[in-house]
Amino acid sequence: MRDAGWTLLTTHGQALFYVAAHPDASIPTIAAALGLSERRIGSVLRDLRGEGMVRVTRVGRRNVYEVNGAVRFRHPILAHVRLGEILDTFAPHGPKLFYAPENTPPDTVADG
């Protein structure tokens, strides 16, 4: 099998699946698991949080990530599909999801 040089999921999709399955993973852990730089993972997580797809809660010195299962995919072909439907199907250990109403601003980091 030859290396096609591409993957089906974007970096954002990979990070979303990873934090759904590993909500207490650190940025260095996520970066190592996905083969990306810590800077890139930080940028992706900020994007996901900004879109309301991920909620970040500070617990002590660490962040805990939760995926908003109510958010719909952005692409018009998949706009009828909620993230929770996909993650419930494919995340291996039961993803950590929350269901915020759509079009609500993302949460701010809370002190824990």
C-alpha atoms as a PDB file:
ATOM      1  CA  MET A   1       0.000   0.000   0.000  1.00  0.00           C
ATOM      2  CA  ARG A   2       1.472   3.334  -0.955  1.00  0.00           C
ATOM      3  CA  ASP A   3       1.350   6.459   1.204  1.00  0.00           C
ATOM      4  CA  ALA A   4      -1.214   8.767  -0.372  1.00  0.00           C
ATOM      5  CA  GLY A   5       0.133  11.800   1.530  1.00  0.00           C
ATOM      6  CA  TRP A   6      -3.298  12.767   2.846  1.00  0.00           C
ATOM      7  CA  THR A   7      -5.841  11.671   5.433  1.00  0.00           C
ATOM      8  CA  LEU A   8      -9.612  11.675   5.400  1.00  0.00           C
ATOM      9  CA  LEU A   9      -9.898  13.926   8.465  1.00  0.00           C
ATOM     10  CA  THR A  10      -8.340  17.352   8.682  1.00  0.00           C
ATOM     11  CA  THR A  11      -6.110  18.313  11.572  1.00  0.00           C
ATOM     12  CA  HIS A  12      -9.150  19.902  13.217  1.00  0.00           C
ATOM     13  CA  GLY A  13     -11.143  16.685  12.856  1.00  0.00           C
ATOM     14  CA  GLN A  14      -8.324  14.573  14.246  1.00  0.00           C
ATOM     15  CA  ALA A  15      -7.902  16.866  17.250  1.00  0.00           C
ATOM     16  CA  LEU A  16     -11.660  16.883  17.865  1.00  0.00           C
ATOM     17  CA  PHE A  17     -11.837  13.074  17.900  1.00  0.00           C
ATOM     18  CA  TYR A  18      -8.747  12.881  20.105  1.00  0.00           C
ATOM     19  CA  VAL A  19      -9.994  15.253  22.810  1.00  0.00           C
ATOM     20  CA  ALA A  20     -13.423  13.584  22.755  1.00  0.00           C
ATOM     21  CA  ALA A  21     -11.755  10.267  23.597  1.00  0.00           C
ATOM     22  CA  HIS A  22      -9.045  11.771  25.867  1.00  0.00           C
ATOM     23  CA  PRO A  23     -10.588  14.846  27.522  1.00  0.00           C
ATOM     24  CA  ASP A  24      -7.785  15.363  30.033  1.00  0.00           C
ATOM     25  CA  ALA A  25      -4.906  15.060  27.543  1.00  0.00           C
ATOM     26  CA  SER A  26      -2.328  17.839  27.577  1.00  0.00           C
ATOM     27  CA  ILE A  27      -1.327  19.744  24.450  1.00  0.00           C
ATOM     28  CA  PRO A  28       2.056  17.941  24.322  1.00  0.00           C
ATOM     29  CA  THR A  29       0.254  14.584  24.558  1.00  0.00           C
ATOM     30  CA  ILE A  30      -2.214  15.506  21.822  1.00  0.00           C
ATOM     31  CA  ALA A  31       0.605  16.808  19.613  1.00  0.00           C
ATOM     32  CA  ALA A  32       2.654  13.627  20.046  1.00  0.00           C
ATOM     33  CA  ALA A  33      -0.358  11.385  19.364  1.00  0.00           C
ATOM     34  CA  LEU A  34      -1.264  13.241  16.163  1.00  0.00           C
ATOM     35  CA  GLY A  35       2.300  13.886  14.984  1.00  0.00           C
ATOM     36  CA  LEU A  36       1.869  17.653  15.024  1.00  0.00           C
ATOM     37  CA  SER A  37       3.579  20.539  16.775  1.00  0.00           C
ATOM     38  CA  GLU A  38       2.298  21.837  20.092  1.00  0.00           C
ATOM     39  CA  ARG A  39       1.857  25.241  18.470  1.00  0.00           C
ATOM     40  CA  ARG A  40      -0.365  23.732  15.765  1.00  0.00           C
ATOM     41  CA  ILE A  41      -2.482  21.849  18.318  1.00  0.00           C
ATOM     42  CA  GLY A  42      -2.887  25.016  20.398  1.00  0.00           C
ATOM     43  CA  SER A  43      -4.065  26.865  17.298  1.00  0.00           C
ATOM     44  CA  VAL A  44      -6.506  24.091  16.335  1.00  0.00           C
ATOM     45  CA  LEU A  45      -7.962  23.933  19.855  1.00  0.00           C
ATOM     46  CA  ARG A  46      -8.446  27.719  19.849  1.00  0.00           C
ATOM     47  CA  ASP A  47     -10.271  27.424  16.510  1.00  0.00           C
ATOM     48  CA  LEU A  48     -12.511  24.627  17.809  1.00  0.00           C
ATOM     49  CA  ARG A  49     -13.249  26.559  20.981  1.00  0.00           C
ATOM     50  CA  GLY A  50     -13.980  29.727  19.032  1.00  0.00           C
ATOM     51  CA  GLU A  51     -16.546  27.868  16.920  1.00  0.00           C
ATOM     52  CA  GLY A  52     -18.225  26.484  20.057  1.00  0.00           C
ATOM     53  CA  MET A  53     -17.206  22.919  19.194  1.00  0.00           C
ATOM     54  CA  VAL A  54     -15.014  22.432  22.262  1.00  0.00           C
ATOM     55  CA  ARG A  55     -15.407  23.717  25.785  1.00  0.00           C
ATOM     56  CA  VAL A  56     -12.227  24.109  27.828  1.00  0.00           C
ATOM     57  CA  THR A  57     -12.358  24.000  31.612  1.00  0.00           C
ATOM     58  CA  ARG A  58      -9.355  24.631  33.795  1.00  0.00           C
ATOM     59  CA  VAL A  59      -8.961  22.015  36.550  1.00  0.00           C
ATOM     60  CA  GLY A  60      -6.009  22.860  38.738  1.00  0.00           C
ATOM     61  CA  ARG A  61      -3.054  23.292  36.387  1.00  0.00           C
ATOM     62  CA  ARG A  62      -4.617  21.333  33.517  1.00  0.00           C
ATOM     63  CA  ASN A  63      -7.304  21.799  30.915  1.00  0.00           C
ATOM     64  CA  VAL A  64     -10.187  19.391  30.399  1.00  0.00           C
ATOM     65  CA  TYR A  65     -11.872  19.351  26.995  1.00  0.00           C
ATOM     66  CA  GLU A  66     -15.503  18.604  26.209  1.00  0.00           C
ATOM     67  CA  VAL A  67     -16.958  18.426  22.716  1.00  0.00           C
ATOM     68  CA  ASN A  68     -20.284  20.122  22.026  1.00  0.00           C
ATOM     69  CA  GLY A  69     -22.362  17.289  20.606  1.00  0.00           C
ATOM     70  CA  ALA A  70     -25.106  19.691  19.461  1.00  0.00           C
ATOM     71  CA  VAL A  71     -22.945  21.553  16.934  1.00  0.00           C
ATOM     72  CA  ARG A  72     -23.513  20.683  13.309  1.00  0.00           C
ATOM     73  CA  PHE A  73     -20.817  20.165  10.695  1.00  0.00           C
ATOM     74  CA  ARG A  74     -19.914  23.322   8.809  1.00  0.00           C
ATOM     75  CA  HIS A  75     -19.827  21.902   5.278  1.00  0.00           C
ATOM     76  CA  PRO A  76     -23.212  22.201   3.506  1.00  0.00           C
ATOM     77  CA  ILE A  77     -23.251  18.520   2.526  1.00  0.00           C
ATOM     78  CA  LEU A  78     -22.959  17.496   6.206  1.00  0.00           C
ATOM     79  CA  ALA A  79     -24.814  20.408   7.824  1.00  0.00           C
ATOM     80  CA  HIS A  80     -27.632  18.092   8.915  1.00  0.00           C
ATOM     81  CA  VAL A  81     -25.233  15.960  11.021  1.00  0.00           C
ATOM     82  CA  ARG A  82     -24.430  16.821  14.638  1.00  0.00           C
ATOM     83  CA  LEU A  83     -20.958  16.152  16.053  1.00  0.00           C
ATOM     84  CA  GLY A  84     -22.439  14.009  18.802  1.00  0.00           C
ATOM     85  CA  GLU A  85     -23.909  11.596  16.248  1.00  0.00           C
ATOM     86  CA  ILE A  86     -20.521  10.962  14.679  1.00  0.00           C
ATOM     87  CA  LEU A  87     -18.590  10.829  17.944  1.00  0.00           C
ATOM     88  CA  ASP A  88     -21.106   8.482  19.564  1.00  0.00           C
ATOM     89  CA  THR A  89     -20.550   6.141  16.624  1.00  0.00           C
ATOM     90  CA  PHE A  90     -16.782   6.319  16.243  1.00  0.00           C
ATOM     91  CA  ALA A  91     -15.157   7.403  19.529  1.00  0.00           C
ATOM     92  CA  PRO A  92     -13.791   4.265  21.179  1.00  0.00           C
ATOM     93  CA  HIS A  93     -14.479   4.875  24.880  1.00  0.00           C
ATOM     94  CA  GLY A  94     -17.586   6.988  24.950  1.00  0.00           C
ATOM     95  CA  PRO A  95     -16.675  10.590  24.200  1.00  0.00           C
ATOM     96  CA  LYS A  96     -17.050  13.342  26.765  1.00  0.00           C
ATOM     97  CA  LEU A  97     -19.782  15.472  25.212  1.00  0.00           C
ATOM     98  CA  PHE A  98     -21.942  18.348  26.290  1.00  0.00           C
ATOM     99  CA  TYR A  99     -24.967  19.608  24.434  1.00  0.00           C
ATOM    100  CA  ALA A 100     -25.141  23.380  24.378  1.00  0.00           C
ATOM    101  CA  PRO A 101     -27.855  25.070  22.373  1.00  0.00           C
ATOM    102  CA  GLU A 102     -26.665  25.959  18.900  1.00  0.00           C
ATOM    103  CA  ASN A 103     -25.413  29.482  18.229  1.00  0.00           C
ATOM    104  CA  THR A 104     -24.371  30.086  21.820  1.00  0.00           C
ATOM    105  CA  PRO A 105     -21.003  31.698  22.498  1.00  0.00           C
ATOM    106  CA  PRO A 106     -18.289  29.307  23.702  1.00  0.00           C
ATOM    107  CA  ASP A 107     -17.612  29.099  27.405  1.00  0.00           C
ATOM    108  CA  THR A 108     -14.716  30.917  28.935  1.00  0.00           C
ATOM    109  CA  VAL A 109     -12.004  29.110  30.842  1.00  0.00           C
ATOM    110  CA  ALA A 110     -13.212  28.558  34.381  1.00  0.00           C
ATOM    111  CA  ASP A 111     -11.003  28.400  37.439  1.00  0.00           C
ATOM    112  CA  GLY A 112     -11.140  24.982  39.018  1.00  0.00           C
END
